[in-house]
Amino acid sequence: MGTRPMLSRFTFSISPGHPALPGHFPGNPVVPGVVILDVVRRAAEPSFGPGLRITRLPQAKFVRPLLPGQEAAVDLELRETLLQFVVSRGDEIIARGAFEVGAVPAS
């Protein structure tokens, strides 16, 4: 019998004053994918512990834009060494993918 996945949900909003927005895109800003991925990464630590270390990003797909100030949710599912994520706004998926993770080596 396999282990049950660990699940977590986190809501967030990126401020219109975020420093990554002015060049992405002038006059019609959207939240850059790297900012969304950073939110996913930061959401994982309190949910799964500070010993979680991202080793690789084998899969990420961005299907809709996220605008500054819009509220979105990150759903995380940890299965063994794969942290799967879905970022959504209401019923619309914005992004999905998976990080490979490992434990931080003991010092």
PDB file of N, CA and C in Angstrom:
ATOM      1  N   MET A   1       0.843  -1.172   0.000  1.00  0.00           N
ATOM      2  CA  MET A   1       0.000   0.000   0.000  1.00  0.00           C
ATOM      3  C   MET A   1       0.893   1.241   0.000  1.00  0.00           C
ATOM      4  N   GLY A   2       0.667   2.225  -0.892  1.00  0.00           N
ATOM      5  CA  GLY A   2       1.470   3.445  -0.990  1.00  0.00           C
ATOM      6  C   GLY A   2       1.100   4.459   0.080  1.00  0.00           C
ATOM      7  N   THR A   3       1.953   5.439   0.213  1.00  0.00           N
ATOM      8  CA  THR A   3       1.677   6.498   1.176  1.00  0.00           C
ATOM      9  C   THR A   3       0.692   7.492   0.581  1.00  0.00           C
ATOM     10  N   ARG A   4      -0.090   8.096   1.454  1.00  0.00           N
ATOM     11  CA  ARG A   4      -1.058   9.098   0.999  1.00  0.00           C
ATOM     12  C   ARG A   4      -0.333  10.386   0.666  1.00  0.00           C
ATOM     13  N   PRO A   5      -0.769  11.107  -0.368  1.00  0.00           N
ATOM     14  CA  PRO A   5      -0.124  12.373  -0.694  1.00  0.00           C
ATOM     15  C   PRO A   5      -0.439  13.423   0.370  1.00  0.00           C
ATOM     16  N   MET A   6       0.489  14.354   0.538  1.00  0.00           N
ATOM     17  CA  MET A   6       0.267  15.488   1.429  1.00  0.00           C
ATOM     18  C   MET A   6      -0.299  16.618   0.581  1.00  0.00           C
ATOM     19  N   LEU A   7      -1.383  17.249   1.048  1.00  0.00           N
ATOM     20  CA  LEU A   7      -2.060  18.302   0.294  1.00  0.00           C
ATOM     21  C   LEU A   7      -1.993  19.615   1.041  1.00  0.00           C
ATOM     22  N   SER A   8      -1.992  20.709   0.289  1.00  0.00           N
ATOM     23  CA  SER A   8      -1.974  22.032   0.893  1.00  0.00           C
ATOM     24  C   SER A   8      -2.585  23.030  -0.084  1.00  0.00           C
ATOM     25  N   ARG A   9      -3.161  24.113   0.463  1.00  0.00           N
ATOM     26  CA  ARG A   9      -3.728  25.189  -0.369  1.00  0.00           C
ATOM     27  C   ARG A   9      -3.288  26.524   0.216  1.00  0.00           C
ATOM     28  N   PHE A  10      -2.961  27.466  -0.669  1.00  0.00           N
ATOM     29  CA  PHE A  10      -2.453  28.768  -0.286  1.00  0.00           C
ATOM     30  C   PHE A  10      -3.046  29.794  -1.241  1.00  0.00           C
ATOM     31  N   THR A  11      -3.592  30.890  -0.722  1.00  0.00           N
ATOM     32  CA  THR A  11      -4.094  31.959  -1.595  1.00  0.00           C
ATOM     33  C   THR A  11      -3.118  33.126  -1.567  1.00  0.00           C
ATOM     34  N   PHE A  12      -3.077  33.867  -2.682  1.00  0.00           N
ATOM     35  CA  PHE A  12      -2.141  34.980  -2.792  1.00  0.00           C
ATOM     36  C   PHE A  12      -2.636  35.993  -3.814  1.00  0.00           C
ATOM     37  N   SER A  13      -2.002  37.155  -3.785  1.00  0.00           N
ATOM     38  CA  SER A  13      -2.235  38.220  -4.749  1.00  0.00           C
ATOM     39  C   SER A  13      -0.909  38.965  -4.916  1.00  0.00           C
ATOM     40  N   ILE A  14      -0.561  39.312  -6.134  1.00  0.00           N
ATOM     41  CA  ILE A  14       0.664  40.056  -6.404  1.00  0.00           C
ATOM     42  C   ILE A  14       0.305  41.535  -6.527  1.00  0.00           C
ATOM     43  N   SER A  15       0.942  42.335  -5.713  1.00  0.00           N
ATOM     44  CA  SER A  15       0.670  43.778  -5.678  1.00  0.00           C
ATOM     45  C   SER A  15       0.992  44.443  -7.011  1.00  0.00           C
ATOM     46  N   PRO A  16       0.179  45.411  -7.430  1.00  0.00           N
ATOM     47  CA  PRO A  16       0.499  46.170  -8.640  1.00  0.00           C
ATOM     48  C   PRO A  16       1.846  46.899  -8.544  1.00  0.00           C
ATOM     49  N   GLY A  17       2.375  47.062  -7.338  1.00  0.00           N
ATOM     50  CA  GLY A  17       3.670  47.709  -7.162  1.00  0.00           C
ATOM     51  C   GLY A  17       4.843  46.745  -7.150  1.00  0.00           C
ATOM     52  N   HIS A  18       4.617  45.476  -7.447  1.00  0.00           N
ATOM     53  CA  HIS A  18       5.702  44.487  -7.429  1.00  0.00           C
ATOM     54  C   HIS A  18       6.803  44.918  -8.403  1.00  0.00           C
ATOM     55  N   PRO A  19       8.079  44.802  -8.010  1.00  0.00           N
ATOM     56  CA  PRO A  19       9.176  45.291  -8.862  1.00  0.00           C
ATOM     57  C   PRO A  19       9.348  44.558 -10.192  1.00  0.00           C
ATOM     58  N   ALA A  20       8.763  43.375 -10.369  1.00  0.00           N
ATOM     59  CA  ALA A  20       8.898  42.648 -11.640  1.00  0.00           C
ATOM     60  C   ALA A  20       7.899  43.110 -12.698  1.00  0.00           C
ATOM     61  N   LEU A  21       6.924  43.928 -12.317  1.00  0.00           N
ATOM     62  CA  LEU A  21       5.847  44.263 -13.255  1.00  0.00           C
ATOM     63  C   LEU A  21       6.161  45.354 -14.279  1.00  0.00           C
ATOM     64  N   PRO A  22       6.917  46.403 -13.954  1.00  0.00           N
ATOM     65  CA  PRO A  22       7.079  47.488 -14.927  1.00  0.00           C
ATOM     66  C   PRO A  22       7.562  47.059 -16.310  1.00  0.00           C
ATOM     67  N   GLY A  23       8.409  46.078 -16.426  1.00  0.00           N
ATOM     68  CA  GLY A  23       8.877  45.666 -17.744  1.00  0.00           C
ATOM     69  C   GLY A  23       8.108  44.493 -18.320  1.00  0.00           C
ATOM     70  N   HIS A  24       7.021  44.113 -17.682  1.00  0.00           N
ATOM     71  CA  HIS A  24       6.334  42.880 -18.094  1.00  0.00           C
ATOM     72  C   HIS A  24       4.840  43.099 -18.191  1.00  0.00           C
ATOM     73  N   PHE A  25       4.218  43.681 -18.885  1.00  0.00           N
ATOM     74  CA  PHE A  25       4.383  44.392 -20.136  1.00  0.00           C
ATOM     75  C   PHE A  25       3.919  45.817 -19.925  1.00  0.00           C
ATOM     76  N   PRO A  26       4.682  46.804 -20.358  1.00  0.00           N
ATOM     77  CA  PRO A  26       4.310  48.207 -20.119  1.00  0.00           C
ATOM     78  C   PRO A  26       2.917  48.534 -20.655  1.00  0.00           C
ATOM     79  N   GLY A  27       2.102  49.156 -19.808  1.00  0.00           N
ATOM     80  CA  GLY A  27       0.750  49.534 -20.200  1.00  0.00           C
ATOM     81  C   GLY A  27      -0.274  48.421 -20.027  1.00  0.00           C
ATOM     82  N   ASN A  28       0.166  47.175 -19.906  1.00  0.00           N
ATOM     83  CA  ASN A  28      -0.735  46.036 -19.740  1.00  0.00           C
ATOM     84  C   ASN A  28      -0.011  44.965 -18.927  1.00  0.00           C
ATOM     85  N   PRO A  29       0.280  45.254 -17.653  1.00  0.00           N
ATOM     86  CA  PRO A  29       1.117  44.333 -16.879  1.00  0.00           C
ATOM     87  C   PRO A  29       0.441  43.001 -16.582  1.00  0.00           C
ATOM     88  N   VAL A  30       1.244  41.949 -16.661  1.00  0.00           N
ATOM     89  CA  VAL A  30       0.844  40.617 -16.223  1.00  0.00           C
ATOM     90  C   VAL A  30       1.934  40.119 -15.280  1.00  0.00           C
ATOM     91  N   VAL A  31       1.563  39.240 -14.389  1.00  0.00           N
ATOM     92  CA  VAL A  31       2.518  38.692 -13.435  1.00  0.00           C
ATOM     93  C   VAL A  31       3.405  37.685 -14.173  1.00  0.00           C
ATOM     94  N   PRO A  32       4.732  37.883 -14.148  1.00  0.00           N
ATOM     95  CA  PRO A  32       5.632  36.950 -14.837  1.00  0.00           C
ATOM     96  C   PRO A  32       5.563  35.543 -14.237  1.00  0.00           C
ATOM     97  N   GLY A  33       5.763  34.548 -15.080  1.00  0.00           N
ATOM     98  CA  GLY A  33       5.739  33.163 -14.629  1.00  0.00           C
ATOM     99  C   GLY A  33       6.726  32.882 -13.513  1.00  0.00           C
ATOM    100  N   VAL A  34       7.899  33.498 -13.568  1.00  0.00           N
ATOM    101  CA  VAL A  34       8.902  33.260 -12.528  1.00  0.00           C
ATOM    102  C   VAL A  34       8.413  33.757 -11.162  1.00  0.00           C
ATOM    103  N   VAL A  35       7.608  34.801 -11.135  1.00  0.00           N
ATOM    104  CA  VAL A  35       7.034  35.290  -9.878  1.00  0.00           C
ATOM    105  C   VAL A  35       6.012  34.280  -9.347  1.00  0.00           C
ATOM    106  N   ILE A  36       5.206  33.733 -10.239  1.00  0.00           N
ATOM    107  CA  ILE A  36       4.229  32.714  -9.835  1.00  0.00           C
ATOM    108  C   ILE A  36       4.954  31.479  -9.290  1.00  0.00           C
ATOM    109  N   LEU A  37       6.018  31.044  -9.969  1.00  0.00           N
ATOM    110  CA  LEU A  37       6.781  29.891  -9.496  1.00  0.00           C
ATOM    111  C   LEU A  37       7.406  30.153  -8.131  1.00  0.00           C
ATOM    112  N   ASP A  38       7.840  31.385  -7.896  1.00  0.00           N
ATOM    113  CA  ASP A  38       8.405  31.731  -6.590  1.00  0.00           C
ATOM    114  C   ASP A  38       7.335  31.654  -5.503  1.00  0.00           C
ATOM    115  N   VAL A  39       6.103  32.078  -5.816  1.00  0.00           N
ATOM    116  CA  VAL A  39       5.006  31.956  -4.849  1.00  0.00           C
ATOM    117  C   VAL A  39       4.761  30.481  -4.530  1.00  0.00           C
ATOM    118  N   VAL A  40       4.764  29.634  -5.548  1.00  0.00           N
ATOM    119  CA  VAL A  40       4.565  28.194  -5.335  1.00  0.00           C
ATOM    120  C   VAL A  40       5.669  27.658  -4.427  1.00  0.00           C
ATOM    121  N   ARG A  41       6.902  28.021  -4.710  1.00  0.00           N
ATOM    122  CA  ARG A  41       8.036  27.561  -3.909  1.00  0.00           C
ATOM    123  C   ARG A  41       7.903  28.008  -2.454  1.00  0.00           C
ATOM    124  N   ARG A  42       7.564  29.276  -2.249  1.00  0.00           N
ATOM    125  CA  ARG A  42       7.417  29.810  -0.883  1.00  0.00           C
ATOM    126  C   ARG A  42       6.215  29.189  -0.166  1.00  0.00           C
ATOM    127  N   ALA A  43       5.175  28.835  -0.906  1.00  0.00           N
ATOM    128  CA  ALA A  43       3.989  28.215  -0.290  1.00  0.00           C
ATOM    129  C   ALA A  43       4.293  26.806   0.194  1.00  0.00           C
ATOM    130  N   ALA A  44       5.241  26.135  -0.432  1.00  0.00           N
ATOM    131  CA  ALA A  44       5.540  24.747  -0.076  1.00  0.00           C
ATOM    132  C   ALA A  44       6.225  24.623   1.278  1.00  0.00           C
ATOM    133  N   GLU A  45       7.103  25.555   1.614  1.00  0.00           N
ATOM    134  CA  GLU A  45       7.888  25.405   2.839  1.00  0.00           C
ATOM    135  C   GLU A  45       7.048  25.339   4.110  1.00  0.00           C
ATOM    136  N   PRO A  46       6.115  26.287   4.352  1.00  0.00           N
ATOM    137  CA  PRO A  46       5.333  26.160   5.578  1.00  0.00           C
ATOM    138  C   PRO A  46       4.420  24.920   5.573  1.00  0.00           C
ATOM    139  N   SER A  47       4.061  24.463   4.395  1.00  0.00           N
ATOM    140  CA  SER A  47       3.177  23.305   4.303  1.00  0.00           C
ATOM    141  C   SER A  47       3.905  21.986   4.523  1.00  0.00           C
ATOM    142  N   PHE A  48       5.115  21.887   3.993  1.00  0.00           N
ATOM    143  CA  PHE A  48       5.818  20.608   3.995  1.00  0.00           C
ATOM    144  C   PHE A  48       7.135  20.636   4.764  1.00  0.00           C
ATOM    145  N   GLY A  49       7.497  21.783   5.336  1.00  0.00           N
ATOM    146  CA  GLY A  49       8.664  21.871   6.195  1.00  0.00           C
ATOM    147  C   GLY A  49       9.866  22.512   5.533  1.00  0.00           C
ATOM    148  N   PRO A  50      10.726  23.122   6.355  1.00  0.00           N
ATOM    149  CA  PRO A  50      11.904  23.812   5.822  1.00  0.00           C
ATOM    150  C   PRO A  50      12.940  22.846   5.252  1.00  0.00           C
ATOM    151  N   GLY A  51      12.778  21.539   5.474  1.00  0.00           N
ATOM    152  CA  GLY A  51      13.704  20.560   4.921  1.00  0.00           C
ATOM    153  C   GLY A  51      13.441  20.228   3.462  1.00  0.00           C
ATOM    154  N   LEU A  52      12.388  20.803   2.887  1.00  0.00           N
ATOM    155  CA  LEU A  52      12.051  20.536   1.489  1.00  0.00           C
ATOM    156  C   LEU A  52      12.982  21.350   0.591  1.00  0.00           C
ATOM    157  N   ARG A  53      13.648  20.688  -0.339  1.00  0.00           N
ATOM    158  CA  ARG A  53      14.580  21.357  -1.246  1.00  0.00           C
ATOM    159  C   ARG A  53      14.183  21.033  -2.684  1.00  0.00           C
ATOM    160  N   ILE A  54      13.946  22.074  -3.479  1.00  0.00           N
ATOM    161  CA  ILE A  54      13.607  21.875  -4.892  1.00  0.00           C
ATOM    162  C   ILE A  54      14.888  21.563  -5.647  1.00  0.00           C
ATOM    163  N   THR A  55      14.855  20.486  -6.420  1.00  0.00           N
ATOM    164  CA  THR A  55      16.041  20.083  -7.167  1.00  0.00           C
ATOM    165  C   THR A  55      15.904  20.314  -8.671  1.00  0.00           C
ATOM    166  N   ARG A  56      14.670  20.355  -9.159  1.00  0.00           N
ATOM    167  CA  ARG A  56      14.454  20.481 -10.601  1.00  0.00           C
ATOM    168  C   ARG A  56      13.023  20.886 -10.887  1.00  0.00           C
ATOM    169  N   LEU A  57      12.810  21.518 -12.025  1.00  0.00           N
ATOM    170  CA  LEU A  57      11.468  21.867 -12.498  1.00  0.00           C
ATOM    171  C   LEU A  57      11.257  21.166 -13.837  1.00  0.00           C
ATOM    172  N   PRO A  58      10.811  19.895 -13.800  1.00  0.00           N
ATOM    173  CA  PRO A  58      10.671  19.161 -15.058  1.00  0.00           C
ATOM    174  C   PRO A  58       9.442  19.555 -15.873  1.00  0.00           C
ATOM    175  N   GLN A  59       8.481  20.235 -15.237  1.00  0.00           N
ATOM    176  CA  GLN A  59       7.240  20.528 -15.948  1.00  0.00           C
ATOM    177  C   GLN A  59       6.608  21.800 -15.400  1.00  0.00           C
ATOM    178  N   ALA A  60       6.269  22.727 -16.294  1.00  0.00           N
ATOM    179  CA  ALA A  60       5.490  23.915 -15.937  1.00  0.00           C
ATOM    180  C   ALA A  60       4.796  24.412 -17.193  1.00  0.00           C
ATOM    181  N   LYS A  61       3.520  24.691 -17.056  1.00  0.00           N
ATOM    182  CA  LYS A  61       2.743  25.203 -18.183  1.00  0.00           C
ATOM    183  C   LYS A  61       1.885  26.351 -17.681  1.00  0.00           C
ATOM    184  N   PHE A  62       1.973  27.469 -18.366  1.00  0.00           N
ATOM    185  CA  PHE A  62       1.182  28.651 -18.038  1.00  0.00           C
ATOM    186  C   PHE A  62       0.124  28.799 -19.118  1.00  0.00           C
ATOM    187  N   VAL A  63      -1.163  28.721 -18.719  1.00  0.00           N
ATOM    188  CA  VAL A  63      -2.230  28.687 -19.712  1.00  0.00           C
ATOM    189  C   VAL A  63      -3.077  29.956 -19.757  1.00  0.00           C
ATOM    190  N   ARG A  64      -3.018  30.759 -18.690  1.00  0.00           N
ATOM    191  CA  ARG A  64      -3.752  32.034 -18.648  1.00  0.00           C
ATOM    192  C   ARG A  64      -2.920  33.049 -17.889  1.00  0.00           C
ATOM    193  N   PRO A  65      -3.075  34.314 -18.200  1.00  0.00           N
ATOM    194  CA  PRO A  65      -2.324  35.330 -17.461  1.00  0.00           C
ATOM    195  C   PRO A  65      -2.936  35.593 -16.082  1.00  0.00           C
ATOM    196  N   LEU A  66      -2.079  35.999 -15.174  1.00  0.00           N
ATOM    197  CA  LEU A  66      -2.507  36.485 -13.867  1.00  0.00           C
ATOM    198  C   LEU A  66      -2.203  37.969 -13.848  1.00  0.00           C
ATOM    199  N   LEU A  67      -3.206  38.768 -13.539  1.00  0.00           N
ATOM    200  CA  LEU A  67      -3.032  40.215 -13.506  1.00  0.00           C
ATOM    201  C   LEU A  67      -2.706  40.671 -12.091  1.00  0.00           C
ATOM    202  N   PRO A  68      -1.946  41.757 -11.969  1.00  0.00           N
ATOM    203  CA  PRO A  68      -1.650  42.291 -10.644  1.00  0.00           C
ATOM    204  C   PRO A  68      -2.934  42.575  -9.872  1.00  0.00           C
ATOM    205  N   GLY A  69      -2.937  42.222  -8.587  1.00  0.00           N
ATOM    206  CA  GLY A  69      -4.083  42.468  -7.731  1.00  0.00           C
ATOM    207  C   GLY A  69      -5.136  41.372  -7.752  1.00  0.00           C
ATOM    208  N   GLN A  70      -5.093  40.460  -8.717  1.00  0.00           N
ATOM    209  CA  GLN A  70      -6.065  39.368  -8.751  1.00  0.00           C
ATOM    210  C   GLN A  70      -5.698  38.322  -7.703  1.00  0.00           C
ATOM    211  N   GLU A  71      -6.709  37.790  -7.021  1.00  0.00           N
ATOM    212  CA  GLU A  71      -6.460  36.728  -6.056  1.00  0.00           C
ATOM    213  C   GLU A  71      -6.416  35.392  -6.775  1.00  0.00           C
ATOM    214  N   ALA A  72      -5.443  34.590  -6.398  1.00  0.00           N
ATOM    215  CA  ALA A  72      -5.287  33.260  -6.976  1.00  0.00           C
ATOM    216  C   ALA A  72      -4.995  32.274  -5.852  1.00  0.00           C
ATOM    217  N   ALA A  73      -5.075  31.001  -6.177  1.00  0.00           N
ATOM    218  CA  ALA A  73      -4.809  29.947  -5.191  1.00  0.00           C
ATOM    219  C   ALA A  73      -3.785  28.982  -5.763  1.00  0.00           C
ATOM    220  N   VAL A  74      -2.942  28.480  -4.873  1.00  0.00           N
ATOM    221  CA  VAL A  74      -1.983  27.430  -5.218  1.00  0.00           C
ATOM    222  C   VAL A  74      -2.418  26.173  -4.483  1.00  0.00           C
ATOM    223  N   ASP A  75      -2.657  25.109  -5.227  1.00  0.00           N
ATOM    224  CA  ASP A  75      -2.921  23.801  -4.637  1.00  0.00           C
ATOM    225  C   ASP A  75      -1.673  22.957  -4.840  1.00  0.00           C
ATOM    226  N   LEU A  76      -1.183  22.394  -3.733  1.00  0.00           N
ATOM    227  CA  LEU A  76       0.036  21.602  -3.753  1.00  0.00           C
ATOM    228  C   LEU A  76      -0.267  20.171  -3.351  1.00  0.00           C
ATOM    229  N   GLU A  77       0.401  19.246  -3.999  1.00  0.00           N
ATOM    230  CA  GLU A  77       0.285  17.837  -3.639  1.00  0.00           C
ATOM    231  C   GLU A  77       1.684  17.237  -3.686  1.00  0.00           C
ATOM    232  N   LEU A  78       2.141  16.744  -2.550  1.00  0.00           N
ATOM    233  CA  LEU A  78       3.459  16.131  -2.458  1.00  0.00           C
ATOM    234  C   LEU A  78       3.302  14.615  -2.464  1.00  0.00           C
ATOM    235  N   ARG A  79       3.897  13.985  -3.469  1.00  0.00           N
ATOM    236  CA  ARG A  79       3.897  12.517  -3.591  1.00  0.00           C
ATOM    237  C   ARG A  79       5.355  12.084  -3.725  1.00  0.00           C
ATOM    238  N   GLU A  80       5.862  11.490  -2.662  1.00  0.00           N
ATOM    239  CA  GLU A  80       7.252  11.032  -2.663  1.00  0.00           C
ATOM    240  C   GLU A  80       8.173  12.222  -2.949  1.00  0.00           C
ATOM    241  N   THR A  81       8.808  12.263  -4.127  1.00  0.00           N
ATOM    242  CA  THR A  81       9.739  13.340  -4.461  1.00  0.00           C
ATOM    243  C   THR A  81       9.195  14.272  -5.546  1.00  0.00           C
ATOM    244  N   LEU A  82       7.900  14.278  -5.740  1.00  0.00           N
ATOM    245  CA  LEU A  82       7.290  15.145  -6.750  1.00  0.00           C
ATOM    246  C   LEU A  82       6.270  16.063  -6.088  1.00  0.00           C
ATOM    247  N   LEU A  83       6.502  17.366  -6.204  1.00  0.00           N
ATOM    248  CA  LEU A  83       5.579  18.370  -5.680  1.00  0.00           C
ATOM    249  C   LEU A  83       4.787  18.927  -6.865  1.00  0.00           C
ATOM    250  N   GLN A  84       3.550  18.472  -6.999  1.00  0.00           N
ATOM    251  CA  GLN A  84       2.700  18.921  -8.099  1.00  0.00           C
ATOM    252  C   GLN A  84       1.948  20.165  -7.653  1.00  0.00           C
ATOM    253  N   PHE A  85       1.750  21.101  -8.598  1.00  0.00           N
ATOM    254  CA  PHE A  85       1.040  22.333  -8.250  1.00  0.00           C
ATOM    255  C   PHE A  85       0.054  22.710  -9.343  1.00  0.00           C
ATOM    256  N   VAL A  86      -1.023  23.362  -8.900  1.00  0.00           N
ATOM    257  CA  VAL A  86      -1.998  23.978  -9.795  1.00  0.00           C
ATOM    258  C   VAL A  86      -2.258  25.362  -9.235  1.00  0.00           C
ATOM    259  N   VAL A  87      -2.121  26.376 -10.082  1.00  0.00           N
ATOM    260  CA  VAL A  87      -2.425  27.752  -9.701  1.00  0.00           C
ATOM    261  C   VAL A  87      -3.708  28.117 -10.429  1.00  0.00           C
ATOM    262  N   SER A  88      -4.694  28.603  -9.679  1.00  0.00           N
ATOM    263  CA  SER A  88      -5.989  28.894 -10.297  1.00  0.00           C
ATOM    264  C   SER A  88      -6.557  30.206  -9.788  1.00  0.00           C
ATOM    265  N   ARG A  89      -7.449  30.741 -10.580  1.00  0.00           N
ATOM    266  CA  ARG A  89      -8.223  31.941 -10.232  1.00  0.00           C
ATOM    267  C   ARG A  89      -9.677  31.532 -10.429  1.00  0.00           C
ATOM    268  N   GLY A  90     -10.381  31.325  -9.335  1.00  0.00           N
ATOM    269  CA  GLY A  90     -11.732  30.793  -9.441  1.00  0.00           C
ATOM    270  C   GLY A  90     -11.670  29.406 -10.044  1.00  0.00           C
ATOM    271  N   ASP A  91     -12.443  29.177 -11.106  1.00  0.00           N
ATOM    272  CA  ASP A  91     -12.456  27.878 -11.776  1.00  0.00           C
ATOM    273  C   ASP A  91     -11.445  27.785 -12.913  1.00  0.00           C
ATOM    274  N   GLU A  92     -10.699  28.872 -13.170  1.00  0.00           N
ATOM    275  CA  GLU A  92      -9.757  28.895 -14.286  1.00  0.00           C
ATOM    276  C   GLU A  92      -8.348  28.531 -13.828  1.00  0.00           C
ATOM    277  N   ILE A  93      -7.738  27.596 -14.527  1.00  0.00           N
ATOM    278  CA  ILE A  93      -6.347  27.242 -14.239  1.00  0.00           C
ATOM    279  C   ILE A  93      -5.444  28.265 -14.911  1.00  0.00           C
ATOM    280  N   ILE A  94      -4.501  28.768 -14.138  1.00  0.00           N
ATOM    281  CA  ILE A  94      -3.510  29.718 -14.639  1.00  0.00           C
ATOM    282  C   ILE A  94      -2.224  28.986 -15.009  1.00  0.00           C
ATOM    283  N   ALA A  95      -1.788  28.084 -14.130  1.00  0.00           N
ATOM    284  CA  ALA A  95      -0.556  27.340 -14.358  1.00  0.00           C
ATOM    285  C   ALA A  95      -0.633  25.998 -13.653  1.00  0.00           C
ATOM    286  N   ARG A  96       0.168  25.066 -14.142  1.00  0.00           N
ATOM    287  CA  ARG A  96       0.282  23.762 -13.482  1.00  0.00           C
ATOM    288  C   ARG A  96       1.662  23.209 -13.790  1.00  0.00           C
ATOM    289  N   GLY A  97       2.107  22.316 -12.935  1.00  0.00           N
ATOM    290  CA  GLY A  97       3.410  21.707 -13.166  1.00  0.00           C
ATOM    291  C   GLY A  97       3.840  20.901 -11.968  1.00  0.00           C
ATOM    292  N   ALA A  98       5.143  20.636 -11.922  1.00  0.00           N
ATOM    293  CA  ALA A  98       5.693  19.836 -10.842  1.00  0.00           C
ATOM    294  C   ALA A  98       7.160  20.183 -10.624  1.00  0.00           C
ATOM    295  N   PHE A  99       7.541  20.194  -9.369  1.00  0.00           N
ATOM    296  CA  PHE A  99       8.938  20.326  -8.961  1.00  0.00           C
ATOM    297  C   PHE A  99       9.395  18.956  -8.452  1.00  0.00           C
ATOM    298  N   GLU A 100      10.621  18.574  -8.751  1.00  0.00           N
ATOM    299  CA  GLU A 100      11.226  17.444  -8.070  1.00  0.00           C
ATOM    300  C   GLU A 100      11.829  17.993  -6.793  1.00  0.00           C
ATOM    301  N   VAL A 101      11.647  17.276  -5.694  1.00  0.00           N
ATOM    302  CA  VAL A 101      12.119  17.764  -4.405  1.00  0.00           C
ATOM    303  C   VAL A 101      12.918  16.682  -3.691  1.00  0.00           C
ATOM    304  N   GLY A 102      13.741  17.156  -2.777  1.00  0.00           N
ATOM    305  CA  GLY A 102      14.525  16.269  -1.918  1.00  0.00           C
ATOM    306  C   GLY A 102      14.634  16.914  -0.559  1.00  0.00           C
ATOM    307  N   ALA A 103      15.223  16.218   0.360  1.00  0.00           N
ATOM    308  CA  ALA A 103      15.414  16.751   1.709  1.00  0.00           C
ATOM    309  C   ALA A 103      16.742  17.495   1.757  1.00  0.00           C
ATOM    310  N   VAL A 104      16.796  18.533   2.579  1.00  0.00           N
ATOM    311  CA  VAL A 104      18.040  19.249   2.810  1.00  0.00           C
ATOM    312  C   VAL A 104      18.954  18.320   3.599  1.00  0.00           C
ATOM    313  N   PRO A 105      20.204  18.122   3.141  1.00  0.00           N
ATOM    314  CA  PRO A 105      21.095  17.232   3.870  1.00  0.00           C
ATOM    315  C   PRO A 105      21.336  17.725   5.293  1.00  0.00           C
ATOM    316  N   ALA A 106      21.410  16.796   6.228  1.00  0.00           N
ATOM    317  CA  ALA A 106      21.688  17.153   7.636  1.00  0.00           C
ATOM    318  C   ALA A 106      23.120  17.650   7.742  1.00  0.00           C
ATOM    319  N   SER A 107      23.325  18.675   8.589  1.00  0.00           N
ATOM    320  CA  SER A 107      24.687  19.191   8.744  1.00  0.00           C
ATOM    321  C   SER A 107      25.317  18.736  10.019  1.00  0.00           C
TER     322      SER A 107
END
